[in-house]
Amino acid sequence: MRRRAFVAALLASSILLASCSALDTGSSRRRNRDRDRDDDDGNRTSFTRPVPETSAETVPMPSETRAPAETTETTAVSTAQDAEVSPEVYASYLEVLEANEDEIRAYDWMGMETAAPDSERLIAYSDTPCALVDLTGDGLEELLIMSTTTGYNADLHVYTYNSDTGSCEPIMELQGFDVLAGGGGRFLIAQLTDGYLLIYKGEGDEDWTDVYAVFGFLDTSTYLGGRLECDTHLDDGQSSYVYEYTLNGDTIDEDTFEESKSTMIDYIGTVIMYNFVSDPDMVSALSDMTPIAMSYDDMHSYLEGLS
């Protein structure tokens, strides 16, 4: 089946990452391409859809440092609520949160797309740059935060608790993840039904690039499971747009791109956080799901209660 073939191809190209720079799409030369937008539903105020059922085609979290090429088994992803988690874990996360308070609070443009009217937003502007989600499938939630030291360029950080060292350690960092310059940036961070992390990033000014990347986590190792990209730019005559599509670096056609994108969206089980989404397929699929991200104050109170 083509869907299984896509998932296998997407996850077979696992690459161990040192800095997770594979999601960088550039920041100075892209502009959003013209798209039809699904604005008919005026009630898209949050994401509240339950996690979809998994099937035999779903790829589980791997147990090796490379994702399997194909599998028919499924693996249930535990949550911290199902496991006994030491208060020291959350105390460690609280220390990280407090150490980055100024930088987290400085990220104050989340969801603020100045060029988009309210009718084209999924939710109203919100400041929720912190989240807890189990990415490694071990029952222990990881801490995600967005922060900035520049006021126009925000970074995504993912931390986990290393029981061997008894400390909180960074396992992923995407610098310049959200930008407030040029055409701006759009992103969505979600977890697929079997634990993989899906990150959508759209960025541009004169031209525009959309990237859909799947990441996996094994203890403190992070790998890129697959990358789907559409690069949009004006032709040499500056008269019409040209669309270039790739999957894991290989050129594909538009139909394959759209099918691959739809497959990724279908596998979303949890929306973690996002700033703005305009793609009609993503809007339609996620319009009734609630992001789990919190404000700094809410996360601080939550971690204090668990420490």
C-alpha atoms as a PDB file:
ATOM      1  CA  MET A   1       0.000   0.000   0.000  1.00  0.00           C
ATOM      2  CA  ARG A   2       1.341   3.448  -0.928  1.00  0.00           C
ATOM      3  CA  ARG A   3       0.740   4.891   2.538  1.00  0.00           C
ATOM      4  CA  ARG A   4       2.794   2.180   4.214  1.00  0.00           C
ATOM      5  CA  ALA A   5       5.479   2.629   1.555  1.00  0.00           C
ATOM      6  CA  PHE A   6       5.626   6.338   2.340  1.00  0.00           C
ATOM      7  CA  VAL A   7       5.898   5.853   6.087  1.00  0.00           C
ATOM      8  CA  ALA A   8       8.608   3.245   5.573  1.00  0.00           C
ATOM      9  CA  ALA A   9      10.525   5.542   3.242  1.00  0.00           C
ATOM     10  CA  LEU A  10      10.126   8.482   5.587  1.00  0.00           C
ATOM     11  CA  LEU A  11      11.399   6.638   8.643  1.00  0.00           C
ATOM     12  CA  ALA A  12      14.104   4.573   6.959  1.00  0.00           C
ATOM     13  CA  SER A  13      16.392   7.576   6.525  1.00  0.00           C
ATOM     14  CA  SER A  14      17.161   8.122  10.211  1.00  0.00           C
ATOM     15  CA  ILE A  15      20.144  10.410  10.749  1.00  0.00           C
ATOM     16  CA  LEU A  16      21.718  10.955  14.172  1.00  0.00           C
ATOM     17  CA  LEU A  17      21.787  14.682  14.845  1.00  0.00           C
ATOM     18  CA  ALA A  18      24.224  16.788  16.826  1.00  0.00           C
ATOM     19  CA  SER A  19      22.512  20.159  16.519  1.00  0.00           C
ATOM     20  CA  CYS A  20      19.212  19.359  14.754  1.00  0.00           C
ATOM     21  CA  SER A  21      19.988  21.981  12.116  1.00  0.00           C
ATOM     22  CA  ALA A  22      18.242  19.911   9.432  1.00  0.00           C
ATOM     23  CA  LEU A  23      15.031  21.906   9.862  1.00  0.00           C
ATOM     24  CA  ASP A  24      16.634  25.253   9.009  1.00  0.00           C
ATOM     25  CA  THR A  25      14.901  26.704   5.954  1.00  0.00           C
ATOM     26  CA  GLY A  26      16.563  30.122   5.680  1.00  0.00           C
ATOM     27  CA  SER A  27      15.039  33.396   6.772  1.00  0.00           C
ATOM     28  CA  SER A  28      15.606  36.246   4.335  1.00  0.00           C
ATOM     29  CA  ARG A  29      14.311  35.357   0.891  1.00  0.00           C
ATOM     30  CA  ARG A  30      10.913  33.729   1.118  1.00  0.00           C
ATOM     31  CA  ARG A  31       7.319  34.848   0.816  1.00  0.00           C
ATOM     32  CA  ASN A  32       4.202  32.799   1.465  1.00  0.00           C
ATOM     33  CA  ARG A  33       2.775  31.307  -1.682  1.00  0.00           C
ATOM     34  CA  ASP A  34      -0.842  31.992  -2.551  1.00  0.00           C
ATOM     35  CA  ARG A  35      -3.161  29.280  -1.249  1.00  0.00           C
ATOM     36  CA  ASP A  36      -6.853  28.567  -0.921  1.00  0.00           C
ATOM     37  CA  ARG A  37      -7.750  28.710   2.752  1.00  0.00           C
ATOM     38  CA  ASP A  38     -10.530  26.919   4.535  1.00  0.00           C
ATOM     39  CA  ASP A  39     -12.230  29.693   6.492  1.00  0.00           C
ATOM     40  CA  ASP A  40     -15.781  28.338   6.542  1.00  0.00           C
ATOM     41  CA  ASP A  41     -15.670  27.091  10.117  1.00  0.00           C
ATOM     42  CA  GLY A  42     -15.919  30.115  12.357  1.00  0.00           C
ATOM     43  CA  ASN A  43     -15.630  28.012  15.512  1.00  0.00           C
ATOM     44  CA  ARG A  44     -11.989  26.976  15.253  1.00  0.00           C
ATOM     45  CA  THR A  45     -10.978  28.216  18.646  1.00  0.00           C
ATOM     46  CA  SER A  46      -9.053  25.195  19.926  1.00  0.00           C
ATOM     47  CA  PHE A  47      -7.862  21.651  19.250  1.00  0.00           C
ATOM     48  CA  THR A  48      -9.929  19.070  21.146  1.00  0.00           C
ATOM     49  CA  ARG A  49      -9.921  15.905  19.035  1.00  0.00           C
ATOM     50  CA  PRO A  50      -9.144  12.628  20.873  1.00  0.00           C
ATOM     51  CA  VAL A  51      -6.095  10.641  19.790  1.00  0.00           C
ATOM     52  CA  PRO A  52      -6.993   8.582  16.693  1.00  0.00           C
ATOM     53  CA  GLU A  53      -6.804   4.813  16.815  1.00  0.00           C
ATOM     54  CA  THR A  54      -3.600   3.214  15.597  1.00  0.00           C
ATOM     55  CA  SER A  55      -3.564   0.577  12.887  1.00  0.00           C
ATOM     56  CA  ALA A  56      -1.282  -2.148  11.627  1.00  0.00           C
ATOM     57  CA  GLU A  57       0.293   0.397   9.318  1.00  0.00           C
ATOM     58  CA  THR A  58       1.402   2.647  12.173  1.00  0.00           C
ATOM     59  CA  VAL A  59       5.137   2.678  12.786  1.00  0.00           C
ATOM     60  CA  PRO A  60       6.008   2.301  16.506  1.00  0.00           C
ATOM     61  CA  MET A  61       8.770   3.963  18.444  1.00  0.00           C
ATOM     62  CA  PRO A  62      12.031   2.212  17.525  1.00  0.00           C
ATOM     63  CA  SER A  63      14.206   0.390  20.025  1.00  0.00           C
ATOM     64  CA  GLU A  64      17.425   0.951  18.078  1.00  0.00           C
ATOM     65  CA  THR A  65      19.339   4.050  17.041  1.00  0.00           C
ATOM     66  CA  ARG A  66      17.785   3.869  13.565  1.00  0.00           C
ATOM     67  CA  ALA A  67      14.097   3.674  12.789  1.00  0.00           C
ATOM     68  CA  PRO A  68      12.868   0.423  11.193  1.00  0.00           C
ATOM     69  CA  ALA A  69      12.224   0.429   7.466  1.00  0.00           C
ATOM     70  CA  GLU A  70       8.861  -1.276   7.928  1.00  0.00           C
ATOM     71  CA  THR A  71       6.886  -2.934  10.683  1.00  0.00           C
ATOM     72  CA  THR A  72       3.341  -4.126  11.316  1.00  0.00           C
ATOM     73  CA  GLU A  73       3.489  -4.006  15.108  1.00  0.00           C
ATOM     74  CA  THR A  74       2.188  -1.215  17.278  1.00  0.00           C
ATOM     75  CA  THR A  75       3.571   0.100  20.525  1.00  0.00           C
ATOM     76  CA  ALA A  76       1.573   2.036  23.093  1.00  0.00           C
ATOM     77  CA  VAL A  77       3.267   5.213  24.242  1.00  0.00           C
ATOM     78  CA  SER A  78       3.190   5.621  28.009  1.00  0.00           C
ATOM     79  CA  THR A  79       2.518   8.908  29.711  1.00  0.00           C
ATOM     80  CA  ALA A  80       3.957  10.263  32.899  1.00  0.00           C
ATOM     81  CA  GLN A  81       0.541   9.884  34.504  1.00  0.00           C
ATOM     82  CA  ASP A  82       0.834   6.088  34.045  1.00  0.00           C
ATOM     83  CA  ALA A  83       4.263   5.805  35.672  1.00  0.00           C
ATOM     84  CA  GLU A  84       5.828   6.626  39.013  1.00  0.00           C
ATOM     85  CA  VAL A  85       7.956   9.691  38.374  1.00  0.00           C
ATOM     86  CA  SER A  86      10.297  10.985  41.051  1.00  0.00           C
ATOM     87  CA  PRO A  87       9.652  14.559  42.235  1.00  0.00           C
ATOM     88  CA  GLU A  88      13.339  15.235  41.539  1.00  0.00           C
ATOM     89  CA  VAL A  89      12.560  15.002  37.816  1.00  0.00           C
ATOM     90  CA  TYR A  90      10.103  17.856  37.932  1.00  0.00           C
ATOM     91  CA  ALA A  91      12.298  19.807  40.329  1.00  0.00           C
ATOM     92  CA  SER A  92      15.048  19.590  37.704  1.00  0.00           C
ATOM     93  CA  TYR A  93      12.669  20.826  35.007  1.00  0.00           C
ATOM     94  CA  LEU A  94      11.594  23.646  37.306  1.00  0.00           C
ATOM     95  CA  GLU A  95      15.210  24.752  37.660  1.00  0.00           C
ATOM     96  CA  VAL A  96      15.575  24.877  33.880  1.00  0.00           C
ATOM     97  CA  LEU A  97      12.326  26.802  33.553  1.00  0.00           C
ATOM     98  CA  GLU A  98      13.327  29.387  36.154  1.00  0.00           C
ATOM     99  CA  ALA A  99      16.823  29.750  34.702  1.00  0.00           C
ATOM    100  CA  ASN A 100      15.266  30.665  31.337  1.00  0.00           C
ATOM    101  CA  GLU A 101      12.360  32.771  32.618  1.00  0.00           C
ATOM    102  CA  ASP A 102      13.440  36.054  31.045  1.00  0.00           C
ATOM    103  CA  GLU A 103      14.116  34.426  27.665  1.00  0.00           C
ATOM    104  CA  ILE A 104      10.806  32.527  27.709  1.00  0.00           C
ATOM    105  CA  ARG A 105       8.787  35.609  28.621  1.00  0.00           C
ATOM    106  CA  ALA A 106      10.611  37.600  25.943  1.00  0.00           C
ATOM    107  CA  TYR A 107       9.043  35.318  23.321  1.00  0.00           C
ATOM    108  CA  ASP A 108       5.888  37.414  23.203  1.00  0.00           C
ATOM    109  CA  TRP A 109       4.842  37.198  19.562  1.00  0.00           C
ATOM    110  CA  MET A 110       3.650  33.585  19.479  1.00  0.00           C
ATOM    111  CA  GLY A 111       0.633  33.344  17.190  1.00  0.00           C
ATOM    112  CA  MET A 112       0.858  37.007  16.230  1.00  0.00           C
ATOM    113  CA  GLU A 113       0.721  36.868  12.426  1.00  0.00           C
ATOM    114  CA  THR A 114       0.286  40.535  11.558  1.00  0.00           C
ATOM    115  CA  ALA A 115      -0.553  39.846   7.917  1.00  0.00           C
ATOM    116  CA  ALA A 116      -3.400  37.440   8.727  1.00  0.00           C
ATOM    117  CA  PRO A 117      -6.912  38.532   9.721  1.00  0.00           C
ATOM    118  CA  ASP A 118      -8.569  36.896  12.702  1.00  0.00           C
ATOM    119  CA  SER A 119     -10.862  34.906  10.387  1.00  0.00           C
ATOM    120  CA  GLU A 120      -7.818  32.964   9.145  1.00  0.00           C
ATOM    121  CA  ARG A 121      -6.542  31.917  12.550  1.00  0.00           C
ATOM    122  CA  LEU A 122      -7.248  28.606  14.230  1.00  0.00           C
ATOM    123  CA  ILE A 123      -7.150  30.205  17.660  1.00  0.00           C
ATOM    124  CA  ALA A 124      -6.683  33.678  19.023  1.00  0.00           C
ATOM    125  CA  TYR A 125      -3.249  34.961  19.930  1.00  0.00           C
ATOM    126  CA  SER A 126      -1.881  33.123  22.944  1.00  0.00           C
ATOM    127  CA  ASP A 127       1.378  33.017  24.859  1.00  0.00           C
ATOM    128  CA  THR A 128       1.941  29.309  25.597  1.00  0.00           C
ATOM    129  CA  PRO A 129       5.626  28.519  24.959  1.00  0.00           C
ATOM    130  CA  CYS A 130       6.029  25.604  27.415  1.00  0.00           C
ATOM    131  CA  ALA A 131       4.951  21.966  27.221  1.00  0.00           C
ATOM    132  CA  LEU A 132       5.462  18.542  28.758  1.00  0.00           C
ATOM    133  CA  VAL A 133       5.157  15.433  26.575  1.00  0.00           C
ATOM    134  CA  ASP A 134       6.655  11.942  26.611  1.00  0.00           C
ATOM    135  CA  LEU A 135       8.812  11.730  23.469  1.00  0.00           C
ATOM    136  CA  THR A 136      10.930   8.692  24.314  1.00  0.00           C
ATOM    137  CA  GLY A 137       8.070   6.380  25.276  1.00  0.00           C
ATOM    138  CA  ASP A 138       9.471   5.618  28.725  1.00  0.00           C
ATOM    139  CA  GLY A 139       6.664   7.181  30.742  1.00  0.00           C
ATOM    140  CA  LEU A 140       8.708  10.288  31.562  1.00  0.00           C
ATOM    141  CA  GLU A 141       7.656  13.547  29.996  1.00  0.00           C
ATOM    142  CA  GLU A 142      10.168  15.795  28.272  1.00  0.00           C
ATOM    143  CA  LEU A 143      10.147  19.578  28.721  1.00  0.00           C
ATOM    144  CA  LEU A 144       9.766  21.814  25.661  1.00  0.00           C
ATOM    145  CA  ILE A 145      10.251  25.569  25.807  1.00  0.00           C
ATOM    146  CA  MET A 146      10.451  28.406  23.300  1.00  0.00           C
ATOM    147  CA  SER A 147      12.738  31.308  24.165  1.00  0.00           C
ATOM    148  CA  THR A 148      14.479  34.292  22.635  1.00  0.00           C
ATOM    149  CA  THR A 149      17.454  36.486  23.419  1.00  0.00           C
ATOM    150  CA  THR A 150      16.941  38.804  20.429  1.00  0.00           C
ATOM    151  CA  GLY A 151      13.255  39.710  20.466  1.00  0.00           C
ATOM    152  CA  TYR A 152      12.800  38.630  16.842  1.00  0.00           C
ATOM    153  CA  ASN A 153      14.310  35.136  16.646  1.00  0.00           C
ATOM    154  CA  ALA A 154      13.043  32.362  18.948  1.00  0.00           C
ATOM    155  CA  ASP A 155      14.624  28.959  19.636  1.00  0.00           C
ATOM    156  CA  LEU A 156      12.985  25.633  20.453  1.00  0.00           C
ATOM    157  CA  HIS A 157      14.576  23.597  23.267  1.00  0.00           C
ATOM    158  CA  VAL A 158      13.756  20.045  24.361  1.00  0.00           C
ATOM    159  CA  TYR A 159      15.025  18.709  27.697  1.00  0.00           C
ATOM    160  CA  THR A 160      14.896  15.270  29.278  1.00  0.00           C
ATOM    161  CA  TYR A 161      15.861  13.901  32.669  1.00  0.00           C
ATOM    162  CA  ASN A 162      18.884  11.619  32.626  1.00  0.00           C
ATOM    163  CA  SER A 163      18.465   9.148  35.478  1.00  0.00           C
ATOM    164  CA  ASP A 164      22.100   8.056  35.166  1.00  0.00           C
ATOM    165  CA  THR A 165      23.405  11.542  35.899  1.00  0.00           C
ATOM    166  CA  GLY A 166      20.444  12.726  37.955  1.00  0.00           C
ATOM    167  CA  SER A 167      20.158  15.898  35.922  1.00  0.00           C
ATOM    168  CA  CYS A 168      18.101  17.576  33.222  1.00  0.00           C
ATOM    169  CA  GLU A 169      19.823  17.581  29.827  1.00  0.00           C
ATOM    170  CA  PRO A 170      19.037  19.185  26.447  1.00  0.00           C
ATOM    171  CA  ILE A 171      18.340  16.634  23.710  1.00  0.00           C
ATOM    172  CA  MET A 172      17.243  18.974  20.921  1.00  0.00           C
ATOM    173  CA  GLU A 173      17.643  22.611  19.951  1.00  0.00           C
ATOM    174  CA  LEU A 174      16.351  24.371  16.853  1.00  0.00           C
ATOM    175  CA  GLN A 175      17.810  27.851  16.671  1.00  0.00           C
ATOM    176  CA  GLY A 176      15.884  30.576  14.867  1.00  0.00           C
ATOM    177  CA  PHE A 177      12.818  28.357  14.911  1.00  0.00           C
ATOM    178  CA  ASP A 178      10.268  31.194  14.895  1.00  0.00           C
ATOM    179  CA  VAL A 179      11.098  34.551  13.365  1.00  0.00           C
ATOM    180  CA  LEU A 180       9.461  37.969  13.558  1.00  0.00           C
ATOM    181  CA  ALA A 181      11.007  39.477  10.448  1.00  0.00           C
ATOM    182  CA  GLY A 182      10.391  39.568   6.715  1.00  0.00           C
ATOM    183  CA  GLY A 183       7.378  37.406   5.914  1.00  0.00           C
ATOM    184  CA  GLY A 184       7.496  35.931   9.401  1.00  0.00           C
ATOM    185  CA  GLY A 185       7.380  32.286  10.325  1.00  0.00           C
ATOM    186  CA  ARG A 186       4.740  29.646  10.941  1.00  0.00           C
ATOM    187  CA  PHE A 187       5.119  26.432  12.875  1.00  0.00           C
ATOM    188  CA  LEU A 188       3.269  23.539  14.421  1.00  0.00           C
ATOM    189  CA  ILE A 189       4.734  20.976  16.818  1.00  0.00           C
ATOM    190  CA  ALA A 190       2.799  17.734  17.271  1.00  0.00           C
ATOM    191  CA  GLN A 191       3.311  14.153  18.385  1.00  0.00           C
ATOM    192  CA  LEU A 192       2.366  11.304  16.078  1.00  0.00           C
ATOM    193  CA  THR A 193       0.291   8.446  17.461  1.00  0.00           C
ATOM    194  CA  ASP A 194       3.336   6.277  18.179  1.00  0.00           C
ATOM    195  CA  GLY A 195       5.588   8.882  19.722  1.00  0.00           C
ATOM    196  CA  TYR A 196       7.475  10.514  16.892  1.00  0.00           C
ATOM    197  CA  LEU A 197       7.672  14.303  16.908  1.00  0.00           C
ATOM    198  CA  LEU A 198       6.305  16.104  13.850  1.00  0.00           C
ATOM    199  CA  ILE A 199       7.482  19.647  13.281  1.00  0.00           C
ATOM    200  CA  TYR A 200       6.024  21.823  10.549  1.00  0.00           C
ATOM    201  CA  LYS A 201       7.878  25.030   9.765  1.00  0.00           C
ATOM    202  CA  GLY A 202       6.959  27.582   7.123  1.00  0.00           C
ATOM    203  CA  GLU A 203       9.183  30.566   6.583  1.00  0.00           C
ATOM    204  CA  GLY A 204       9.819  33.150   3.942  1.00  0.00           C
ATOM    205  CA  ASP A 205       9.892  36.609   2.485  1.00  0.00           C
ATOM    206  CA  GLU A 206      10.363  36.904  -1.290  1.00  0.00           C
ATOM    207  CA  ASP A 207      10.101  33.129  -1.567  1.00  0.00           C
ATOM    208  CA  TRP A 208       8.640  30.549   0.851  1.00  0.00           C
ATOM    209  CA  THR A 209       9.607  27.129   2.168  1.00  0.00           C
ATOM    210  CA  ASP A 210       7.410  24.597   3.952  1.00  0.00           C
ATOM    211  CA  VAL A 211       9.171  21.789   5.831  1.00  0.00           C
ATOM    212  CA  TYR A 212       7.554  18.809   7.563  1.00  0.00           C
ATOM    213  CA  ALA A 213      10.133  16.899   9.607  1.00  0.00           C
ATOM    214  CA  VAL A 214       9.727  13.793  11.777  1.00  0.00           C
ATOM    215  CA  PHE A 215      12.086  13.326  14.734  1.00  0.00           C
ATOM    216  CA  GLY A 216      12.626  10.375  17.027  1.00  0.00           C
ATOM    217  CA  PHE A 217      14.167  10.269  20.495  1.00  0.00           C
ATOM    218  CA  LEU A 218      16.013   7.431  22.195  1.00  0.00           C
ATOM    219  CA  ASP A 219      17.113   8.333  25.707  1.00  0.00           C
ATOM    220  CA  THR A 220      19.321  11.378  25.042  1.00  0.00           C
ATOM    221  CA  SER A 221      19.793  10.726  21.295  1.00  0.00           C
ATOM    222  CA  THR A 222      17.806  12.557  18.645  1.00  0.00           C
ATOM    223  CA  TYR A 223      17.509  11.497  15.018  1.00  0.00           C
ATOM    224  CA  LEU A 224      15.781  12.840  11.947  1.00  0.00           C
ATOM    225  CA  GLY A 225      13.295  10.250  10.723  1.00  0.00           C
ATOM    226  CA  GLY A 226      12.274  12.060   7.554  1.00  0.00           C
ATOM    227  CA  ARG A 227      11.921  15.431   5.855  1.00  0.00           C
ATOM    228  CA  LEU A 228       9.259  16.591   3.406  1.00  0.00           C
ATOM    229  CA  GLU A 229       9.773  19.981   1.783  1.00  0.00           C
ATOM    230  CA  CYS A 230       8.143  22.370  -0.667  1.00  0.00           C
ATOM    231  CA  ASP A 231      10.209  25.303  -1.866  1.00  0.00           C
ATOM    232  CA  THR A 232       8.286  28.080  -3.629  1.00  0.00           C
ATOM    233  CA  HIS A 233       9.962  30.818  -5.668  1.00  0.00           C
ATOM    234  CA  LEU A 234       9.348  33.035  -8.675  1.00  0.00           C
ATOM    235  CA  ASP A 235      10.566  31.829 -12.058  1.00  0.00           C
ATOM    236  CA  ASP A 236      13.341  33.573 -13.960  1.00  0.00           C
ATOM    237  CA  GLY A 237      10.855  35.930 -15.561  1.00  0.00           C
ATOM    238  CA  GLN A 238       9.435  36.852 -12.149  1.00  0.00           C
ATOM    239  CA  SER A 239       5.966  36.186 -13.559  1.00  0.00           C
ATOM    240  CA  SER A 240       4.777  32.982 -11.872  1.00  0.00           C
ATOM    241  CA  TYR A 241       5.643  30.725  -8.948  1.00  0.00           C
ATOM    242  CA  VAL A 242       7.642  27.524  -9.252  1.00  0.00           C
ATOM    243  CA  TYR A 243       7.121  24.724  -6.714  1.00  0.00           C
ATOM    244  CA  GLU A 244       9.876  22.235  -5.971  1.00  0.00           C
ATOM    245  CA  TYR A 245       9.078  19.176  -3.835  1.00  0.00           C
ATOM    246  CA  THR A 246      11.455  16.784  -2.082  1.00  0.00           C
ATOM    247  CA  LEU A 247      11.151  13.801   0.266  1.00  0.00           C
ATOM    248  CA  ASN A 248      14.328  13.013   2.205  1.00  0.00           C
ATOM    249  CA  GLY A 249      16.266  15.044  -0.365  1.00  0.00           C
ATOM    250  CA  ASP A 250      14.829  13.233  -3.397  1.00  0.00           C
ATOM    251  CA  THR A 251      12.725  15.136  -5.919  1.00  0.00           C
ATOM    252  CA  ILE A 252       9.046  14.150  -5.961  1.00  0.00           C
ATOM    253  CA  ASP A 253       5.956  15.399  -7.788  1.00  0.00           C
ATOM    254  CA  GLU A 254       3.129  17.448  -6.304  1.00  0.00           C
ATOM    255  CA  ASP A 255       0.765  14.470  -5.916  1.00  0.00           C
ATOM    256  CA  THR A 256       3.364  12.553  -3.907  1.00  0.00           C
ATOM    257  CA  PHE A 257       4.039  15.616  -1.785  1.00  0.00           C
ATOM    258  CA  GLU A 258       0.347  16.119  -1.004  1.00  0.00           C
ATOM    259  CA  GLU A 259      -0.167  12.424  -0.229  1.00  0.00           C
ATOM    260  CA  SER A 260       2.896  12.375   2.008  1.00  0.00           C
ATOM    261  CA  LYS A 261       1.777  15.508   3.824  1.00  0.00           C
ATOM    262  CA  SER A 262      -1.710  14.074   4.345  1.00  0.00           C
ATOM    263  CA  THR A 263      -0.223  10.885   5.764  1.00  0.00           C
ATOM    264  CA  MET A 264       1.790  12.879   8.299  1.00  0.00           C
ATOM    265  CA  ILE A 265      -1.270  14.866   9.324  1.00  0.00           C
ATOM    266  CA  ASP A 266      -3.356  11.689   9.652  1.00  0.00           C
ATOM    267  CA  TYR A 267      -0.839  10.289  12.143  1.00  0.00           C
ATOM    268  CA  ILE A 268      -1.024  13.277  14.504  1.00  0.00           C
ATOM    269  CA  GLY A 269      -2.227  12.217  17.932  1.00  0.00           C
ATOM    270  CA  THR A 270      -1.391  15.274  20.058  1.00  0.00           C
ATOM    271  CA  VAL A 271      -0.928  18.928  19.123  1.00  0.00           C
ATOM    272  CA  ILE A 272       1.791  20.355  21.368  1.00  0.00           C
ATOM    273  CA  MET A 273       2.031  24.002  20.307  1.00  0.00           C
ATOM    274  CA  TYR A 274       1.842  26.213  17.248  1.00  0.00           C
ATOM    275  CA  ASN A 275       1.851  29.882  16.311  1.00  0.00           C
ATOM    276  CA  PHE A 276      -0.205  30.061  13.123  1.00  0.00           C
ATOM    277  CA  VAL A 277      -1.498  27.560  10.572  1.00  0.00           C
ATOM    278  CA  SER A 278      -2.987  28.414   7.185  1.00  0.00           C
ATOM    279  CA  ASP A 279      -2.680  25.156   5.241  1.00  0.00           C
ATOM    280  CA  PRO A 280      -6.329  24.110   4.654  1.00  0.00           C
ATOM    281  CA  ASP A 281      -5.579  20.380   5.030  1.00  0.00           C
ATOM    282  CA  MET A 282      -3.929  20.917   8.399  1.00  0.00           C
ATOM    283  CA  VAL A 283      -6.621  23.340   9.542  1.00  0.00           C
ATOM    284  CA  SER A 284      -9.356  20.860   8.647  1.00  0.00           C
ATOM    285  CA  ALA A 285      -7.656  17.894  10.335  1.00  0.00           C
ATOM    286  CA  LEU A 286      -6.650  19.670  13.537  1.00  0.00           C
ATOM    287  CA  SER A 287      -9.430  22.179  14.068  1.00  0.00           C
ATOM    288  CA  ASP A 288     -10.963  20.237  16.973  1.00  0.00           C
ATOM    289  CA  MET A 289      -7.780  19.365  18.861  1.00  0.00           C
ATOM    290  CA  THR A 290      -6.507  21.276  21.909  1.00  0.00           C
ATOM    291  CA  PRO A 291      -2.784  22.122  22.207  1.00  0.00           C
ATOM    292  CA  ILE A 292      -1.217  20.932  25.446  1.00  0.00           C
ATOM    293  CA  ALA A 293       1.219  23.858  25.731  1.00  0.00           C
ATOM    294  CA  MET A 294       1.066  26.176  28.738  1.00  0.00           C
ATOM    295  CA  SER A 295       2.097  29.680  29.656  1.00  0.00           C
ATOM    296  CA  TYR A 296       5.232  30.183  31.727  1.00  0.00           C
ATOM    297  CA  ASP A 297       3.189  30.831  34.865  1.00  0.00           C
ATOM    298  CA  ASP A 298       0.991  27.769  34.390  1.00  0.00           C
ATOM    299  CA  MET A 299       3.986  25.532  33.756  1.00  0.00           C
ATOM    300  CA  HIS A 300       5.786  26.934  36.790  1.00  0.00           C
ATOM    301  CA  SER A 301       2.784  26.237  39.021  1.00  0.00           C
ATOM    302  CA  TYR A 302       2.359  22.760  37.548  1.00  0.00           C
ATOM    303  CA  LEU A 303       5.999  21.779  38.097  1.00  0.00           C
ATOM    304  CA  GLU A 304       5.988  23.243  41.590  1.00  0.00           C
ATOM    305  CA  GLY A 305       3.059  21.028  42.447  1.00  0.00           C
ATOM    306  CA  LEU A 306       4.892  17.919  41.253  1.00  0.00           C
ATOM    307  CA  SER A 307       8.306  18.722  42.739  1.00  0.00           C
END
